[in-house]
N, C-alpha and C. Protein backbone atom coordinates (compact mmCIF):
# COMPACT_ATOMS: atom_id res chain seq x y z
N UNK A 1 40.96 13.18 -9.26
CA UNK A 1 42.25 13.58 -9.87
C UNK A 1 43.22 14.47 -9.08
N UNK A 2 42.43 15.37 -8.56
CA UNK A 2 43.21 16.46 -7.53
C UNK A 2 43.98 15.64 -6.62
N UNK A 3 43.28 14.80 -5.84
CA UNK A 3 44.08 13.98 -4.83
C UNK A 3 45.11 13.29 -5.35
N UNK A 4 45.08 12.51 -6.31
CA UNK A 4 46.17 11.81 -6.92
C UNK A 4 47.29 12.65 -7.40
N UNK A 5 47.09 13.71 -8.00
CA UNK A 5 48.07 14.75 -8.29
C UNK A 5 48.70 15.21 -7.11
N UNK A 6 48.01 15.62 -6.08
CA UNK A 6 48.57 16.04 -4.91
C UNK A 6 49.52 15.05 -4.13
N UNK A 7 49.28 13.82 -4.25
CA UNK A 7 49.99 12.76 -3.77
C UNK A 7 51.13 12.24 -4.61
N UNK A 8 51.10 12.71 -5.87
CA UNK A 8 52.14 12.40 -6.95
C UNK A 8 51.94 10.90 -7.39
N UNK A 9 50.68 10.50 -7.47
CA UNK A 9 50.44 9.08 -8.00
C UNK A 9 49.54 9.29 -9.28
N UNK A 10 49.59 8.25 -10.13
CA UNK A 10 48.64 8.23 -11.30
C UNK A 10 47.30 8.11 -10.87
N UNK A 11 46.86 7.29 -9.96
CA UNK A 11 45.54 7.21 -9.39
C UNK A 11 45.69 6.82 -7.97
N UNK A 12 44.50 7.15 -7.26
CA UNK A 12 44.41 7.07 -5.99
C UNK A 12 44.58 5.49 -5.55
N UNK A 13 44.40 4.50 -6.37
CA UNK A 13 44.56 3.18 -6.04
C UNK A 13 46.15 2.83 -5.82
N UNK A 14 47.03 3.78 -6.29
CA UNK A 14 48.48 3.67 -6.10
C UNK A 14 48.84 4.19 -4.75
N UNK A 15 47.92 4.78 -4.08
CA UNK A 15 48.40 5.45 -2.68
C UNK A 15 47.90 4.49 -1.49
N UNK A 16 48.58 4.58 -0.58
CA UNK A 16 48.12 3.95 0.91
C UNK A 16 47.83 5.25 1.76
N UNK A 17 47.39 4.83 3.02
CA UNK A 17 47.14 5.84 4.01
C UNK A 17 48.36 6.62 4.43
N UNK A 18 49.56 6.05 4.45
CA UNK A 18 50.65 6.64 4.85
C UNK A 18 51.00 7.78 3.76
N UNK A 19 50.97 7.51 2.49
CA UNK A 19 51.02 8.49 1.41
C UNK A 19 50.18 9.49 1.55
N UNK A 20 48.88 9.17 1.85
CA UNK A 20 47.81 10.27 1.97
C UNK A 20 48.24 11.22 3.13
N UNK A 21 48.54 10.69 4.34
CA UNK A 21 48.89 11.53 5.40
C UNK A 21 50.22 12.37 5.05
N UNK A 22 51.12 11.92 4.29
CA UNK A 22 52.27 12.63 3.90
C UNK A 22 51.89 13.83 2.87
N UNK A 23 50.79 13.63 2.15
CA UNK A 23 50.37 14.69 1.18
C UNK A 23 49.35 15.58 1.76
N UNK A 24 48.84 15.53 2.98
CA UNK A 24 47.85 16.32 3.44
C UNK A 24 48.03 17.76 3.22
N UNK A 25 49.13 18.20 3.45
CA UNK A 25 49.38 19.76 3.33
C UNK A 25 49.26 20.32 1.98
N UNK A 26 49.21 19.38 1.01
CA UNK A 26 49.05 19.95 -0.39
C UNK A 26 47.60 19.76 -0.96
N UNK A 27 46.68 19.43 0.08
CA UNK A 27 45.26 19.15 -0.39
C UNK A 27 44.29 20.10 0.42
N UNK A 28 43.35 20.55 -0.36
CA UNK A 28 42.20 21.17 0.33
C UNK A 28 41.37 20.20 1.34
N UNK A 29 40.72 20.76 2.26
CA UNK A 29 39.92 19.70 3.19
C UNK A 29 39.13 18.72 2.33
N UNK A 30 38.32 19.32 1.48
CA UNK A 30 37.51 18.44 0.63
C UNK A 30 38.10 17.43 -0.12
N UNK A 31 39.31 17.85 -0.78
CA UNK A 31 40.08 16.87 -1.58
C UNK A 31 40.62 15.70 -0.58
N UNK A 32 41.03 16.29 0.52
CA UNK A 32 41.61 15.28 1.49
C UNK A 32 40.80 14.28 2.02
N UNK A 33 39.47 14.68 2.36
CA UNK A 33 38.39 13.79 2.70
C UNK A 33 37.97 12.86 1.67
N UNK A 34 37.78 13.39 0.43
CA UNK A 34 37.36 12.47 -0.63
C UNK A 34 38.49 11.35 -0.90
N UNK A 35 39.76 11.87 -0.96
CA UNK A 35 40.74 11.01 -1.24
C UNK A 35 41.03 9.91 -0.23
N UNK A 36 40.79 10.39 1.03
CA UNK A 36 40.91 9.31 2.23
C UNK A 36 39.79 8.28 1.97
N UNK A 37 38.59 8.74 1.57
CA UNK A 37 37.61 7.85 1.41
C UNK A 37 37.95 6.72 0.36
N UNK A 38 38.49 7.24 -0.85
CA UNK A 38 38.91 6.30 -1.96
C UNK A 38 39.96 5.36 -1.51
N UNK A 39 41.04 5.94 -0.72
CA UNK A 39 42.21 5.12 -0.37
C UNK A 39 41.68 4.06 0.70
N UNK A 40 40.96 4.62 1.61
CA UNK A 40 40.53 3.46 2.68
C UNK A 40 39.44 2.55 2.17
N UNK A 41 38.79 2.92 1.13
CA UNK A 41 37.83 1.89 0.59
C UNK A 41 38.58 0.75 -0.21
N UNK A 42 39.60 1.25 -0.82
CA UNK A 42 40.56 0.26 -1.65
C UNK A 42 41.12 -0.74 -0.55
N UNK A 43 41.64 -0.17 0.51
CA UNK A 43 42.21 -0.94 1.64
C UNK A 43 41.14 -1.80 2.28
N UNK A 44 39.90 -1.43 2.34
CA UNK A 44 38.81 -2.20 2.95
C UNK A 44 38.64 -3.46 2.08
N UNK A 45 38.63 -3.20 0.85
CA UNK A 45 38.40 -4.28 -0.08
C UNK A 45 39.46 -5.42 0.05
N UNK A 46 40.77 -4.97 0.14
CA UNK A 46 41.79 -5.91 0.33
C UNK A 46 41.69 -6.60 1.55
N UNK A 47 41.36 -5.85 2.59
CA UNK A 47 41.20 -6.56 4.00
C UNK A 47 39.90 -7.45 4.07
N UNK A 48 38.93 -7.22 3.31
CA UNK A 48 37.83 -8.06 3.19
C UNK A 48 38.12 -9.37 2.51
N UNK A 49 38.96 -9.36 1.48
CA UNK A 49 39.38 -10.59 0.91
C UNK A 49 40.14 -11.45 1.88
N UNK A 50 41.16 -10.81 2.59
CA UNK A 50 41.81 -11.56 3.68
C UNK A 50 40.81 -12.05 4.73
N UNK A 51 39.81 -11.33 5.28
CA UNK A 51 38.87 -11.73 6.13
C UNK A 51 38.06 -12.88 5.83
N UNK A 52 37.69 -12.87 4.48
CA UNK A 52 36.92 -14.09 3.94
C UNK A 52 37.68 -15.22 3.80
N UNK A 53 38.90 -15.13 3.59
CA UNK A 53 39.82 -16.26 3.43
C UNK A 53 40.12 -16.88 4.87
N UNK A 54 40.10 -16.16 5.90
CA UNK A 54 40.37 -16.36 7.23
C UNK A 54 38.95 -16.82 7.95
N UNK A 55 37.81 -16.77 7.29
CA UNK A 55 36.62 -17.16 7.59
C UNK A 55 35.92 -16.38 8.49
N UNK A 56 36.34 -15.05 8.86
CA UNK A 56 35.78 -14.24 9.77
C UNK A 56 34.62 -13.28 9.26
N UNK A 57 33.34 -13.70 9.32
CA UNK A 57 32.30 -12.87 8.87
C UNK A 57 32.02 -11.69 9.72
N UNK A 58 32.37 -11.80 11.04
CA UNK A 58 32.24 -10.69 11.90
C UNK A 58 33.24 -9.60 11.42
N UNK A 59 34.52 -10.04 11.19
CA UNK A 59 35.44 -9.08 10.50
C UNK A 59 35.05 -8.49 9.21
N UNK A 60 34.36 -9.15 8.39
CA UNK A 60 33.92 -8.86 7.09
C UNK A 60 32.81 -7.76 7.35
N UNK A 61 31.91 -7.97 8.30
CA UNK A 61 30.72 -7.03 8.64
C UNK A 61 31.38 -5.81 9.11
N UNK A 62 32.35 -5.76 9.84
CA UNK A 62 32.85 -4.56 10.31
C UNK A 62 33.41 -3.62 9.22
N UNK A 63 34.21 -4.45 8.24
CA UNK A 63 34.68 -3.74 7.07
C UNK A 63 33.62 -3.11 6.18
N UNK A 64 32.65 -4.05 6.02
CA UNK A 64 31.46 -3.60 5.30
C UNK A 64 30.86 -2.21 5.89
N UNK A 65 30.59 -2.25 7.19
CA UNK A 65 30.03 -1.13 7.84
C UNK A 65 31.04 0.14 7.81
N UNK A 66 32.35 -0.01 7.86
CA UNK A 66 33.23 1.02 7.83
C UNK A 66 33.01 1.77 6.37
N UNK A 67 32.61 1.10 5.37
CA UNK A 67 32.43 1.81 4.19
C UNK A 67 31.46 2.86 3.99
N UNK A 68 30.17 2.61 4.57
CA UNK A 68 29.19 3.73 4.56
C UNK A 68 29.53 4.84 5.59
N UNK A 69 30.29 4.34 6.61
CA UNK A 69 30.71 5.37 7.61
C UNK A 69 31.67 6.47 6.86
N UNK A 70 32.50 5.90 5.88
CA UNK A 70 33.32 6.75 5.33
C UNK A 70 32.54 7.47 4.19
N UNK A 71 31.65 6.85 3.55
CA UNK A 71 30.79 7.64 2.51
C UNK A 71 30.01 8.73 3.22
N UNK A 72 29.60 8.51 4.55
CA UNK A 72 28.91 9.45 5.29
C UNK A 72 29.75 10.71 5.58
N UNK A 73 30.95 10.38 6.03
CA UNK A 73 31.76 11.44 6.80
C UNK A 73 32.83 12.03 5.84
N UNK A 74 33.50 11.26 4.96
CA UNK A 74 34.55 11.76 4.05
C UNK A 74 34.03 12.00 2.72
N UNK A 75 33.27 11.12 2.01
CA UNK A 75 32.75 11.39 0.78
C UNK A 75 31.55 12.06 0.64
N UNK A 76 30.78 12.02 1.77
CA UNK A 76 29.59 12.80 1.92
C UNK A 76 28.56 12.64 0.94
N UNK A 77 28.20 11.28 0.66
CA UNK A 77 27.48 10.95 -0.47
C UNK A 77 26.34 9.92 0.14
N UNK A 78 26.07 10.11 1.38
CA UNK A 78 25.02 9.11 1.94
C UNK A 78 23.83 10.17 2.26
N UNK A 79 22.80 9.43 2.74
CA UNK A 79 21.57 10.18 3.12
C UNK A 79 21.17 9.64 4.53
N UNK A 80 20.29 10.35 5.28
CA UNK A 80 19.95 9.96 6.64
C UNK A 80 19.14 8.62 6.45
N UNK A 81 18.50 8.36 5.41
CA UNK A 81 17.63 7.16 5.26
C UNK A 81 18.69 6.02 5.07
N UNK A 82 19.69 6.10 4.34
CA UNK A 82 20.63 5.12 4.17
C UNK A 82 21.48 4.90 5.40
N UNK A 83 21.79 6.04 6.11
CA UNK A 83 22.40 5.83 7.46
C UNK A 83 21.53 5.10 8.48
N UNK A 84 20.24 5.42 8.45
CA UNK A 84 19.40 4.61 9.42
C UNK A 84 19.33 3.30 9.18
N UNK A 85 19.37 2.86 7.89
CA UNK A 85 19.38 1.42 7.60
C UNK A 85 20.55 0.76 7.96
N UNK A 86 21.90 1.35 7.68
CA UNK A 86 23.11 0.73 8.16
C UNK A 86 23.06 0.63 9.62
N UNK A 87 22.68 1.69 10.34
CA UNK A 87 22.84 1.60 11.80
C UNK A 87 21.88 0.35 12.35
N UNK A 88 20.65 0.32 11.75
CA UNK A 88 19.68 -0.51 12.24
C UNK A 88 20.07 -2.00 11.89
N UNK A 89 20.78 -2.13 10.78
CA UNK A 89 21.08 -3.55 10.30
C UNK A 89 22.38 -3.97 11.08
N UNK A 90 23.28 -2.97 11.44
CA UNK A 90 24.48 -3.30 12.10
C UNK A 90 24.24 -3.78 13.50
N UNK A 91 23.09 -3.24 14.13
CA UNK A 91 22.83 -3.64 15.48
C UNK A 91 21.65 -4.78 15.65
N UNK A 92 21.30 -5.24 14.52
CA UNK A 92 20.17 -6.19 14.47
C UNK A 92 20.71 -7.62 14.87
N UNK A 93 20.03 -8.45 15.58
CA UNK A 93 20.45 -9.74 15.88
C UNK A 93 20.74 -10.56 14.61
N UNK A 94 21.95 -11.10 14.50
CA UNK A 94 22.25 -11.83 13.26
C UNK A 94 22.84 -11.00 12.12
N UNK A 95 22.93 -9.58 12.38
CA UNK A 95 23.54 -8.70 11.51
C UNK A 95 25.10 -8.69 11.71
N UNK A 96 25.72 -8.79 10.62
CA UNK A 96 27.32 -8.61 10.68
C UNK A 96 27.67 -7.25 10.34
N UNK A 97 27.08 -6.64 9.33
CA UNK A 97 27.40 -5.32 8.94
C UNK A 97 26.61 -5.03 7.63
N UNK A 98 26.74 -3.79 7.13
CA UNK A 98 25.90 -3.30 6.00
C UNK A 98 26.85 -2.34 5.20
N UNK A 99 26.51 -2.08 4.01
CA UNK A 99 27.28 -1.05 3.22
C UNK A 99 26.39 -0.52 2.03
N UNK A 100 26.78 0.59 1.63
CA UNK A 100 26.07 1.08 0.33
C UNK A 100 26.62 0.42 -0.91
N UNK A 101 25.89 -0.43 -1.77
CA UNK A 101 26.51 -1.13 -2.81
C UNK A 101 26.84 -0.22 -4.06
N UNK A 102 26.37 0.95 -4.14
CA UNK A 102 26.59 1.75 -5.27
C UNK A 102 27.54 2.97 -4.89
N UNK A 103 27.41 3.99 -5.63
CA UNK A 103 28.02 5.29 -5.49
C UNK A 103 27.57 6.24 -4.54
N UNK A 104 26.60 5.83 -3.64
CA UNK A 104 26.04 6.67 -2.78
C UNK A 104 24.70 7.41 -3.35
N UNK A 105 23.93 8.00 -2.57
CA UNK A 105 22.65 8.61 -2.93
C UNK A 105 21.63 7.83 -3.65
N UNK A 106 22.06 6.41 -3.87
CA UNK A 106 21.21 5.64 -4.60
C UNK A 106 20.19 4.89 -3.98
N UNK A 107 20.10 4.93 -2.60
CA UNK A 107 18.90 4.45 -1.89
C UNK A 107 18.96 2.88 -1.63
N UNK A 108 20.16 2.30 -1.66
CA UNK A 108 20.23 0.80 -1.52
C UNK A 108 21.24 0.56 -0.46
N UNK A 109 20.99 -0.42 0.40
CA UNK A 109 21.85 -0.98 1.29
C UNK A 109 21.95 -2.54 1.29
N UNK A 110 23.18 -2.97 1.36
CA UNK A 110 23.29 -4.43 1.32
C UNK A 110 23.83 -4.91 2.77
N UNK A 111 23.31 -5.88 3.34
CA UNK A 111 23.63 -6.43 4.69
C UNK A 111 24.14 -7.79 4.58
N UNK A 112 25.20 -8.10 5.32
CA UNK A 112 25.66 -9.48 5.49
C UNK A 112 25.13 -9.82 6.83
N UNK A 113 24.44 -11.07 6.84
CA UNK A 113 23.71 -11.54 8.09
C UNK A 113 23.91 -13.04 8.18
N UNK A 114 23.70 -13.42 9.30
CA UNK A 114 23.80 -14.88 9.65
C UNK A 114 22.23 -15.50 9.41
N UNK A 115 22.10 -16.71 9.48
CA UNK A 115 20.79 -17.40 9.43
C UNK A 115 19.91 -16.98 10.52
N UNK A 116 20.33 -16.35 11.60
CA UNK A 116 19.49 -15.91 12.64
C UNK A 116 18.68 -14.62 12.31
N UNK A 117 19.23 -13.99 11.22
CA UNK A 117 18.57 -12.79 10.55
C UNK A 117 17.48 -13.43 9.64
N UNK A 118 16.19 -13.49 10.04
CA UNK A 118 15.18 -13.98 9.32
C UNK A 118 14.26 -13.02 8.66
N UNK A 119 13.09 -13.35 8.10
CA UNK A 119 12.05 -12.59 7.57
C UNK A 119 11.49 -11.60 8.54
N UNK A 120 11.33 -12.15 9.76
CA UNK A 120 10.72 -11.35 10.98
C UNK A 120 11.68 -10.23 11.26
N UNK A 121 12.94 -10.44 11.22
CA UNK A 121 13.90 -9.37 11.56
C UNK A 121 13.84 -8.35 10.58
N UNK A 122 13.89 -8.77 9.22
CA UNK A 122 13.72 -7.87 8.07
C UNK A 122 12.45 -6.89 8.28
N UNK A 123 11.32 -7.70 8.64
CA UNK A 123 10.06 -6.91 8.75
C UNK A 123 10.26 -5.96 9.83
N UNK A 124 10.77 -6.22 10.93
CA UNK A 124 10.89 -5.24 11.98
C UNK A 124 11.61 -4.02 11.57
N UNK A 125 12.76 -4.12 10.82
CA UNK A 125 13.56 -3.14 10.33
C UNK A 125 12.80 -2.34 9.35
N UNK A 126 12.02 -2.96 8.42
CA UNK A 126 11.29 -2.26 7.40
C UNK A 126 10.28 -1.49 8.05
N UNK A 127 9.48 -2.00 9.13
CA UNK A 127 8.60 -1.22 9.91
C UNK A 127 9.15 -0.08 10.64
N UNK A 128 10.40 -0.13 11.17
CA UNK A 128 10.98 0.92 11.91
C UNK A 128 11.36 1.97 10.88
N UNK A 129 11.82 1.62 9.78
CA UNK A 129 12.27 2.49 8.55
C UNK A 129 10.92 3.28 8.10
N UNK A 130 9.91 2.60 7.93
CA UNK A 130 8.55 3.11 7.54
C UNK A 130 8.05 4.28 8.54
N UNK A 131 8.29 3.82 9.82
CA UNK A 131 7.83 4.71 10.91
C UNK A 131 8.69 5.96 10.99
N UNK A 132 9.85 5.95 10.66
CA UNK A 132 10.83 7.09 10.56
C UNK A 132 10.65 7.89 9.35
N UNK A 133 10.54 7.29 8.24
CA UNK A 133 10.78 8.04 6.98
C UNK A 133 9.47 7.83 5.99
N UNK A 134 8.42 7.30 6.57
CA UNK A 134 7.20 7.21 5.88
C UNK A 134 7.42 6.64 4.46
N UNK A 135 8.08 5.56 4.40
CA UNK A 135 8.20 4.78 3.29
C UNK A 135 8.52 3.34 3.57
N UNK A 136 8.14 2.49 2.68
CA UNK A 136 8.47 1.08 3.01
C UNK A 136 9.55 0.51 2.14
N UNK A 137 10.68 0.18 2.68
CA UNK A 137 11.75 -0.31 1.92
C UNK A 137 11.50 -1.71 1.29
N UNK A 138 11.90 -1.93 0.18
CA UNK A 138 11.86 -3.30 -0.54
C UNK A 138 12.94 -4.13 0.01
N UNK A 139 12.66 -5.30 0.40
CA UNK A 139 13.75 -6.20 1.03
C UNK A 139 13.85 -7.41 0.03
N UNK A 140 15.03 -7.70 -0.33
CA UNK A 140 15.43 -8.77 -1.30
C UNK A 140 16.33 -9.74 -0.36
N UNK A 141 16.00 -10.91 -0.31
CA UNK A 141 16.67 -11.87 0.46
C UNK A 141 17.44 -12.70 -0.45
N UNK A 142 18.80 -12.85 -0.33
CA UNK A 142 19.65 -13.65 -1.17
C UNK A 142 20.61 -14.39 -0.52
N UNK A 143 20.70 -15.65 -0.89
CA UNK A 143 21.63 -16.57 -0.26
C UNK A 143 22.90 -16.73 -1.01
N UNK A 144 24.12 -16.61 -0.47
CA UNK A 144 25.33 -16.62 -1.20
C UNK A 144 25.63 -17.97 -1.53
N UNK A 145 26.50 -18.16 -2.67
CA UNK A 145 26.83 -19.58 -3.01
C UNK A 145 28.15 -19.43 -3.51
N UNK A 146 28.75 -20.62 -3.76
CA UNK A 146 30.24 -20.54 -4.36
C UNK A 146 30.23 -19.72 -5.65
N UNK A 147 31.22 -19.00 -5.86
CA UNK A 147 31.54 -18.19 -7.09
C UNK A 147 31.94 -19.03 -8.31
N UNK A 148 32.37 -18.38 -9.14
CA UNK A 148 32.99 -19.02 -10.49
C UNK A 148 34.12 -19.74 -10.08
N UNK A 149 34.55 -20.85 -10.71
CA UNK A 149 35.64 -21.62 -10.53
C UNK A 149 36.09 -22.11 -11.88
N UNK A 150 37.38 -22.49 -11.92
CA UNK A 150 38.10 -22.97 -13.08
C UNK A 150 37.73 -24.54 -13.14
N UNK A 151 37.19 -24.96 -14.30
CA UNK A 151 36.92 -26.36 -14.51
C UNK A 151 37.82 -26.89 -15.66
N UNK A 152 38.51 -27.99 -15.29
CA UNK A 152 39.40 -28.44 -16.46
C UNK A 152 38.73 -29.58 -17.22
N UNK A 153 38.60 -29.51 -18.41
CA UNK A 153 38.01 -30.51 -19.32
C UNK A 153 38.97 -31.45 -19.90
N UNK A 154 38.71 -32.68 -19.65
CA UNK A 154 39.67 -33.66 -20.34
C UNK A 154 39.47 -33.74 -21.80
N UNK A 155 40.59 -34.03 -22.48
CA UNK A 155 40.48 -34.06 -23.98
C UNK A 155 40.47 -35.43 -24.35
N UNK A 156 40.10 -36.37 -23.49
CA UNK A 156 40.00 -37.82 -23.94
C UNK A 156 38.71 -38.09 -24.68
């Protein structure tokens, strides 16, 4: 709320990066960082929709990974364990990018991968995580499918 108030908007979703930059002088460092995270996160969602429509999974992956970087540096709600997983998944063969699916501190990472990222790749990352953090992460493999769509029903 402090960030929105400083920027003169009802909520941060009503601001863009230019508005944020113009209002920097009226925010504390912490409010500025948190506000930047929220504003850029909303922008990444919009850019992700565009990238998906243009079929660019590499672009989507970069946008996904920009999110935990912002969580790590601006919102400061990440952990070394989550950062390790994002770093490792981002550089893995077949990995496009990764992000924290929740509000941070939750211990989950979602990765966008190609079919080249298989069970063996997931196992290698799991073992590397275990070696560094003395814990074995649970890996859930999901395959995306078409989402909901409008179906018209004939009245005949």
